[in-house]
């Protein structure tokens, strides 16, 4: 069974890149993190995978799963 690749929102030269894990080229580069998250969320929903949002420092700040998550979160964020 192949593992679906997560979608990452990462800082990129003063902008924000939407990247698929394991691929060098971004799917899209946006001026703001908000724009990148919006686009990345739609891609993650279509691919039924996880959206990983990184902060300016590159550290993971949030995650959302849009696939068949075997360990769903217990929080009621969404």
PDB file of N, CA and C in Angstrom:
ATOM      1  N   UNK A   1       0.845  -1.181   0.000  1.00  0.00           N
ATOM      2  CA  UNK A   1       0.000   0.000   0.000  1.00  0.00           C
ATOM      3  C   UNK A   1       0.886   1.237   0.000  1.00  0.00           C
ATOM      4  N   UNK A   2       0.645   2.154  -0.916  1.00  0.00           N
ATOM      5  CA  UNK A   2       1.462   3.363  -0.970  1.00  0.00           C
ATOM      6  C   UNK A   2       0.934   4.418   0.004  1.00  0.00           C
ATOM      7  N   UNK A   3       1.866   5.119   0.594  1.00  0.00           N
ATOM      8  CA  UNK A   3       1.519   6.173   1.544  1.00  0.00           C
ATOM      9  C   UNK A   3       1.317   7.465   0.771  1.00  0.00           C
ATOM     10  N   UNK A   4       0.226   8.157   1.056  1.00  0.00           N
ATOM     11  CA  UNK A   4      -0.038   9.421   0.389  1.00  0.00           C
ATOM     12  C   UNK A   4       0.886  10.481   0.947  1.00  0.00           C
ATOM     13  N   UNK A   5       1.397  11.321   0.073  1.00  0.00           N
ATOM     14  CA  UNK A   5       2.353  12.344   0.477  1.00  0.00           C
ATOM     15  C   UNK A   5       1.619  13.567   1.012  1.00  0.00           C
ATOM     16  N   UNK A   6       2.070  14.038   2.157  1.00  0.00           N
ATOM     17  CA  UNK A   6       1.442  15.193   2.780  1.00  0.00           C
ATOM     18  C   UNK A   6       1.794  16.479   2.037  1.00  0.00           C
ATOM     19  N   UNK A   7       0.975  17.491   2.253  1.00  0.00           N
ATOM     20  CA  UNK A   7       1.151  18.805   1.661  1.00  0.00           C
ATOM     21  C   UNK A   7       1.699  19.725   2.756  1.00  0.00           C
ATOM     22  N   UNK A   8       2.790  20.430   2.456  1.00  0.00           N
ATOM     23  CA  UNK A   8       3.446  21.294   3.446  1.00  0.00           C
ATOM     24  C   UNK A   8       3.370  22.755   3.021  1.00  0.00           C
ATOM     25  N   UNK A   9       3.112  23.627   3.977  1.00  0.00           N
ATOM     26  CA  UNK A   9       3.166  25.074   3.785  1.00  0.00           C
ATOM     27  C   UNK A   9       4.460  25.523   4.442  1.00  0.00           C
ATOM     28  N   UNK A  10       5.410  26.008   3.642  1.00  0.00           N
ATOM     29  CA  UNK A  10       6.736  26.351   4.170  1.00  0.00           C
ATOM     30  C   UNK A  10       7.172  27.750   3.704  1.00  0.00           C
ATOM     31  N   UNK A  11       7.976  28.436   4.540  1.00  0.00           N
ATOM     32  CA  UNK A  11       8.499  29.738   4.110  1.00  0.00           C
ATOM     33  C   UNK A  11       9.484  29.548   2.963  1.00  0.00           C
ATOM     34  N   UNK A  12       9.462  30.509   2.020  1.00  0.00           N
ATOM     35  CA  UNK A  12      10.325  30.388   0.844  1.00  0.00           C
ATOM     36  C   UNK A  12      10.674  31.781   0.314  1.00  0.00           C
ATOM     37  N   UNK A  13      11.870  32.243   0.615  1.00  0.00           N
ATOM     38  CA  UNK A  13      12.374  33.533   0.102  1.00  0.00           C
ATOM     39  C   UNK A  13      11.399  34.688   0.335  1.00  0.00           C
ATOM     40  N   UNK A  14      10.902  34.808   1.541  1.00  0.00           N
ATOM     41  CA  UNK A  14       9.992  35.901   1.873  1.00  0.00           C
ATOM     42  C   UNK A  14       8.555  35.654   1.475  1.00  0.00           C
ATOM     43  N   UNK A  15       8.287  34.506   0.872  1.00  0.00           N
ATOM     44  CA  UNK A  15       6.927  34.140   0.478  1.00  0.00           C
ATOM     45  C   UNK A  15       6.612  32.799   1.127  1.00  0.00           C
ATOM     46  N   UNK A  16       5.526  32.174   0.700  1.00  0.00           N
ATOM     47  CA  UNK A  16       5.111  30.883   1.251  1.00  0.00           C
ATOM     48  C   UNK A  16       4.890  29.890   0.124  1.00  0.00           C
ATOM     49  N   UNK A  17       5.511  28.723   0.245  1.00  0.00           N
ATOM     50  CA  UNK A  17       5.404  27.686  -0.775  1.00  0.00           C
ATOM     51  C   UNK A  17       4.483  26.563  -0.308  1.00  0.00           C
ATOM     52  N   UNK A  18       3.721  26.030  -1.243  1.00  0.00           N
ATOM     53  CA  UNK A  18       2.890  24.853  -1.013  1.00  0.00           C
ATOM     54  C   UNK A  18       3.626  23.715  -1.698  1.00  0.00           C
ATOM     55  N   UNK A  19       4.125  22.762  -0.902  1.00  0.00           N
ATOM     56  CA  UNK A  19       4.941  21.683  -1.449  1.00  0.00           C
ATOM     57  C   UNK A  19       4.359  20.323  -1.087  1.00  0.00           C
ATOM     58  N   UNK A  20       4.530  19.389  -2.004  1.00  0.00           N
ATOM     59  CA  UNK A  20       4.174  18.004  -1.717  1.00  0.00           C
ATOM     60  C   UNK A  20       5.428  17.318  -1.189  1.00  0.00           C
ATOM     61  N   UNK A  21       5.291  16.576  -0.104  1.00  0.00           N
ATOM     62  CA  UNK A  21       6.435  15.899   0.513  1.00  0.00           C
ATOM     63  C   UNK A  21       7.175  15.052  -0.513  1.00  0.00           C
ATOM     64  N   UNK A  22       8.498  15.184  -0.521  1.00  0.00           N
ATOM     65  CA  UNK A  22       9.335  14.394  -1.403  1.00  0.00           C
ATOM     66  C   UNK A  22       9.563  14.995  -2.771  1.00  0.00           C
ATOM     67  N   UNK A  23       8.937  16.116  -3.054  1.00  0.00           N
ATOM     68  CA  UNK A  23       9.113  16.758  -4.365  1.00  0.00           C
ATOM     69  C   UNK A  23       9.859  18.075  -4.193  1.00  0.00           C
ATOM     70  N   UNK A  24      10.740  18.365  -5.130  1.00  0.00           N
ATOM     71  CA  UNK A  24      11.582  19.554  -5.033  1.00  0.00           C
ATOM     72  C   UNK A  24      10.838  20.843  -5.374  1.00  0.00           C
ATOM     73  N   UNK A  25      10.034  20.813  -6.415  1.00  0.00           N
ATOM     74  CA  UNK A  25       9.356  22.018  -6.871  1.00  0.00           C
ATOM     75  C   UNK A  25       8.024  22.219  -6.152  1.00  0.00           C
ATOM     76  N   UNK A  26       7.737  23.449  -5.744  1.00  0.00           N
ATOM     77  CA  UNK A  26       6.457  23.714  -5.080  1.00  0.00           C
ATOM     78  C   UNK A  26       5.288  23.627  -6.060  1.00  0.00           C
ATOM     79  N   UNK A  27       4.121  23.320  -5.528  1.00  0.00           N
ATOM     80  CA  UNK A  27       2.903  23.319  -6.331  1.00  0.00           C
ATOM     81  C   UNK A  27       2.487  24.755  -6.635  1.00  0.00           C
ATOM     82  N   UNK A  28       2.742  25.644  -5.658  1.00  0.00           N
ATOM     83  CA  UNK A  28       2.414  27.060  -5.809  1.00  0.00           C
ATOM     84  C   UNK A  28       3.207  27.864  -4.796  1.00  0.00           C
ATOM     85  N   UNK A  29       3.502  29.119  -5.133  1.00  0.00           N
ATOM     86  CA  UNK A  29       4.144  30.046  -4.207  1.00  0.00           C
ATOM     87  C   UNK A  29       3.177  31.216  -4.031  1.00  0.00           C
ATOM     88  N   UNK A  30       2.883  31.568  -2.774  1.00  0.00           N
ATOM     89  CA  UNK A  30       1.933  32.637  -2.468  1.00  0.00           C
ATOM     90  C   UNK A  30       2.627  33.758  -1.705  1.00  0.00           C
ATOM     91  N   UNK A  31       2.043  34.952  -1.786  1.00  0.00           N
ATOM     92  CA  UNK A  31       2.600  36.102  -1.073  1.00  0.00           C
ATOM     93  C   UNK A  31       2.411  35.980   0.434  1.00  0.00           C
ATOM     94  N   UNK A  32       1.270  35.415   0.851  1.00  0.00           N
ATOM     95  CA  UNK A  32       0.990  35.313   2.282  1.00  0.00           C
ATOM     96  C   UNK A  32       0.793  33.856   2.694  1.00  0.00           C
ATOM     97  N   UNK A  33       1.000  33.610   3.977  1.00  0.00           N
ATOM     98  CA  UNK A  33       0.783  32.260   4.500  1.00  0.00           C
ATOM     99  C   UNK A  33      -0.693  31.888   4.399  1.00  0.00           C
ATOM    100  N   UNK A  34      -1.567  32.855   4.623  1.00  0.00           N
ATOM    101  CA  UNK A  34      -3.001  32.598   4.555  1.00  0.00           C
ATOM    102  C   UNK A  34      -3.401  32.082   3.166  1.00  0.00           C
ATOM    103  N   UNK A  35      -2.876  32.716   2.105  1.00  0.00           N
ATOM    104  CA  UNK A  35      -3.159  32.269   0.736  1.00  0.00           C
ATOM    105  C   UNK A  35      -2.629  30.855   0.506  1.00  0.00           C
ATOM    106  N   UNK A  36      -1.422  30.599   0.992  1.00  0.00           N
ATOM    107  CA  UNK A  36      -0.814  29.280   0.819  1.00  0.00           C
ATOM    108  C   UNK A  36      -1.610  28.207   1.553  1.00  0.00           C
ATOM    109  N   UNK A  37      -2.064  28.518   2.758  1.00  0.00           N
ATOM    110  CA  UNK A  37      -2.849  27.556   3.542  1.00  0.00           C
ATOM    111  C   UNK A  37      -4.161  27.247   2.830  1.00  0.00           C
ATOM    112  N   UNK A  38      -4.813  28.258   2.310  1.00  0.00           N
ATOM    113  CA  UNK A  38      -6.081  28.067   1.615  1.00  0.00           C
ATOM    114  C   UNK A  38      -5.910  27.133   0.415  1.00  0.00           C
ATOM    115  N   UNK A  39      -4.885  27.387  -0.393  1.00  0.00           N
ATOM    116  CA  UNK A  39      -4.626  26.533  -1.550  1.00  0.00           C
ATOM    117  C   UNK A  39      -4.202  25.126  -1.101  1.00  0.00           C
ATOM    118  N   UNK A  40      -3.302  25.058  -0.135  1.00  0.00           N
ATOM    119  CA  UNK A  40      -2.819  23.772   0.356  1.00  0.00           C
ATOM    120  C   UNK A  40      -3.925  22.911   0.941  1.00  0.00           C
ATOM    121  N   UNK A  41      -4.867  23.548   1.620  1.00  0.00           N
ATOM    122  CA  UNK A  41      -5.995  22.815   2.204  1.00  0.00           C
ATOM    123  C   UNK A  41      -6.836  22.169   1.101  1.00  0.00           C
ATOM    124  N   UNK A  42      -7.081  22.902   0.015  1.00  0.00           N
ATOM    125  CA  UNK A  42      -7.858  22.340  -1.096  1.00  0.00           C
ATOM    126  C   UNK A  42      -7.129  21.158  -1.736  1.00  0.00           C
ATOM    127  N   UNK A  43      -5.823  21.282  -1.911  1.00  0.00           N
ATOM    128  CA  UNK A  43      -5.035  20.182  -2.486  1.00  0.00           C
ATOM    129  C   UNK A  43      -5.063  18.970  -1.555  1.00  0.00           C
ATOM    130  N   UNK A  44      -4.897  19.195  -0.258  1.00  0.00           N
ATOM    131  CA  UNK A  44      -4.913  18.099   0.716  1.00  0.00           C
ATOM    132  C   UNK A  44      -6.265  17.392   0.728  1.00  0.00           C
ATOM    133  N   UNK A  45      -7.345  18.155   0.611  1.00  0.00           N
ATOM    134  CA  UNK A  45      -8.683  17.549   0.568  1.00  0.00           C
ATOM    135  C   UNK A  45      -8.841  16.699  -0.682  1.00  0.00           C
ATOM    136  N   UNK A  46      -8.390  17.215  -1.833  1.00  0.00           N
ATOM    137  CA  UNK A  46      -8.497  16.465  -3.090  1.00  0.00           C
ATOM    138  C   UNK A  46      -7.693  15.176  -3.045  1.00  0.00           C
ATOM    139  N   UNK A  47      -6.502  15.242  -2.471  1.00  0.00           N
ATOM    140  CA  UNK A  47      -5.610  14.080  -2.415  1.00  0.00           C
ATOM    141  C   UNK A  47      -5.881  13.206  -1.195  1.00  0.00           C
ATOM    142  N   UNK A  48      -6.788  13.671  -0.319  1.00  0.00           N
ATOM    143  CA  UNK A  48      -7.142  12.955   0.911  1.00  0.00           C
ATOM    144  C   UNK A  48      -5.883  12.620   1.711  1.00  0.00           C
ATOM    145  N   UNK A  49      -5.141  13.671   2.047  1.00  0.00           N
ATOM    146  CA  UNK A  49      -3.889  13.521   2.767  1.00  0.00           C
ATOM    147  C   UNK A  49      -3.799  14.558   3.883  1.00  0.00           C
ATOM    148  N   UNK A  50      -2.627  14.720   4.447  1.00  0.00           N
ATOM    149  CA  UNK A  50      -2.432  15.621   5.572  1.00  0.00           C
ATOM    150  C   UNK A  50      -1.850  16.957   5.117  1.00  0.00           C
ATOM    151  N   UNK A  51      -2.318  18.038   5.746  1.00  0.00           N
ATOM    152  CA  UNK A  51      -1.786  19.372   5.531  1.00  0.00           C
ATOM    153  C   UNK A  51      -0.905  19.707   6.725  1.00  0.00           C
ATOM    154  N   UNK A  52       0.355  20.056   6.466  1.00  0.00           N
ATOM    155  CA  UNK A  52       1.313  20.384   7.523  1.00  0.00           C
ATOM    156  C   UNK A  52       1.716  21.846   7.348  1.00  0.00           C
ATOM    157  N   UNK A  53       1.432  22.659   8.367  1.00  0.00           N
ATOM    158  CA  UNK A  53       1.709  24.095   8.292  1.00  0.00           C
ATOM    159  C   UNK A  53       2.933  24.409   9.145  1.00  0.00           C
ATOM    160  N   UNK A  54       3.931  25.010   8.510  1.00  0.00           N
ATOM    161  CA  UNK A  54       5.161  25.393   9.192  1.00  0.00           C
ATOM    162  C   UNK A  54       5.138  26.891   9.480  1.00  0.00           C
ATOM    163  N   UNK A  55       5.808  27.301  10.556  1.00  0.00           N
ATOM    164  CA  UNK A  55       5.929  28.720  10.881  1.00  0.00           C
ATOM    165  C   UNK A  55       7.117  29.326  10.158  1.00  0.00           C
ATOM    166  N   UNK A  56       7.376  30.609  10.408  1.00  0.00           N
ATOM    167  CA  UNK A  56       8.502  31.303   9.765  1.00  0.00           C
ATOM    168  C   UNK A  56       9.838  30.641  10.078  1.00  0.00           C
ATOM    169  N   UNK A  57       9.931  30.017  11.249  1.00  0.00           N
ATOM    170  CA  UNK A  57      11.176  29.361  11.657  1.00  0.00           C
ATOM    171  C   UNK A  57      11.329  27.960  11.056  1.00  0.00           C
ATOM    172  N   UNK A  58      10.319  27.511  10.305  1.00  0.00           N
ATOM    173  CA  UNK A  58      10.382  26.203   9.664  1.00  0.00           C
ATOM    174  C   UNK A  58       9.831  25.068  10.509  1.00  0.00           C
ATOM    175  N   UNK A  59       9.563  25.339  11.784  1.00  0.00           N
ATOM    176  CA  UNK A  59       9.019  24.302  12.667  1.00  0.00           C
ATOM    177  C   UNK A  59       7.530  24.121  12.403  1.00  0.00           C
ATOM    178  N   UNK A  60       7.061  22.879  12.582  1.00  0.00           N
ATOM    179  CA  UNK A  60       5.642  22.590  12.383  1.00  0.00           C
ATOM    180  C   UNK A  60       4.830  23.322  13.437  1.00  0.00           C
ATOM    181  N   UNK A  61       3.817  24.043  12.957  1.00  0.00           N
ATOM    182  CA  UNK A  61       2.976  24.796  13.883  1.00  0.00           C
ATOM    183  C   UNK A  61       1.577  24.209  13.977  1.00  0.00           C
ATOM    184  N   UNK A  62       1.150  23.480  12.925  1.00  0.00           N
ATOM    185  CA  UNK A  62      -0.189  22.890  12.939  1.00  0.00           C
ATOM    186  C   UNK A  62      -0.277  21.798  11.877  1.00  0.00           C
ATOM    187  N   UNK A  63      -1.234  20.885  12.058  1.00  0.00           N
ATOM    188  CA  UNK A  63      -1.494  19.811  11.090  1.00  0.00           C
ATOM    189  C   UNK A  63      -2.993  19.595  11.002  1.00  0.00           C
ATOM    190  N   UNK A  64      -3.455  19.248   9.815  1.00  0.00           N
ATOM    191  CA  UNK A  64      -4.845  18.858   9.599  1.00  0.00           C
ATOM    192  C   UNK A  64      -4.846  17.654   8.677  1.00  0.00           C
ATOM    193  N   UNK A  65      -5.659  16.659   9.007  1.00  0.00           N
ATOM    194  CA  UNK A  65      -5.729  15.452   8.195  1.00  0.00           C
ATOM    195  C   UNK A  65      -7.044  15.431   7.427  1.00  0.00           C
ATOM    196  N   UNK A  66      -6.955  15.171   6.137  1.00  0.00           N
ATOM    197  CA  UNK A  66      -8.143  15.123   5.285  1.00  0.00           C
ATOM    198  C   UNK A  66      -8.336  13.752   4.657  1.00  0.00           C
ATOM    199  N   UNK A  67      -7.602  12.770   5.146  1.00  0.00           N
ATOM    200  CA  UNK A  67      -7.733  11.420   4.613  1.00  0.00           C
ATOM    201  C   UNK A  67      -8.366  10.505   5.637  1.00  0.00           C
ATOM    202  N   UNK A  68      -8.139   9.226   5.450  1.00  0.00           N
ATOM    203  CA  UNK A  68      -8.627   8.228   6.383  1.00  0.00           C
ATOM    204  C   UNK A  68      -7.612   8.114   7.508  1.00  0.00           C
ATOM    205  N   UNK A  69      -7.774   8.905   8.542  1.00  0.00           N
ATOM    206  CA  UNK A  69      -6.830   8.977   9.645  1.00  0.00           C
ATOM    207  C   UNK A  69      -7.085   7.842  10.639  1.00  0.00           C
ATOM    208  N   UNK A  70      -6.140   6.900  10.792  1.00  0.00           N
ATOM    209  CA  UNK A  70      -6.355   5.795  11.722  1.00  0.00           C
ATOM    210  C   UNK A  70      -6.320   6.240  13.188  1.00  0.00           C
ATOM    211  N   UNK A  71      -5.772   7.411  13.456  1.00  0.00           N
ATOM    212  CA  UNK A  71      -5.692   7.951  14.812  1.00  0.00           C
ATOM    213  C   UNK A  71      -6.249   9.382  14.808  1.00  0.00           C
ATOM    214  N   UNK A  72      -7.568   9.535  14.712  1.00  0.00           N
ATOM    215  CA  UNK A  72      -8.123  10.883  14.635  1.00  0.00           C
ATOM    216  C   UNK A  72      -7.829  11.671  15.910  1.00  0.00           C
ATOM    217  N   UNK A  73      -7.677  12.993  15.793  1.00  0.00           N
ATOM    218  CA  UNK A  73      -7.368  13.818  16.959  1.00  0.00           C
ATOM    219  C   UNK A  73      -8.534  13.852  17.938  1.00  0.00           C
ATOM    220  N   UNK A  74      -8.204  14.056  19.187  1.00  0.00           N
ATOM    221  CA  UNK A  74      -9.226  14.133  20.215  1.00  0.00           C
ATOM    222  C   UNK A  74      -9.701  15.560  20.441  1.00  0.00           C
ATOM    223  N   UNK A  75      -8.959  16.521  19.907  1.00  0.00           N
ATOM    224  CA  UNK A  75      -9.368  17.904  20.088  1.00  0.00           C
ATOM    225  C   UNK A  75     -10.579  18.219  19.210  1.00  0.00           C
ATOM    226  N   UNK A  76     -11.252  19.259  19.542  1.00  0.00           N
ATOM    227  CA  UNK A  76     -12.459  19.659  18.803  1.00  0.00           C
ATOM    228  C   UNK A  76     -12.203  20.947  18.035  1.00  0.00           C
ATOM    229  N   UNK A  77     -10.978  21.080  17.470  1.00  0.00           N
ATOM    230  CA  UNK A  77     -10.561  22.292  16.774  1.00  0.00           C
ATOM    231  C   UNK A  77     -11.460  22.572  15.566  1.00  0.00           C
ATOM    232  N   UNK A  78     -11.837  21.519  14.829  1.00  0.00           N
ATOM    233  CA  UNK A  78     -12.628  21.723  13.596  1.00  0.00           C
ATOM    234  C   UNK A  78     -13.926  20.998  13.697  1.00  0.00           C
TER     235      UNK A  78
END
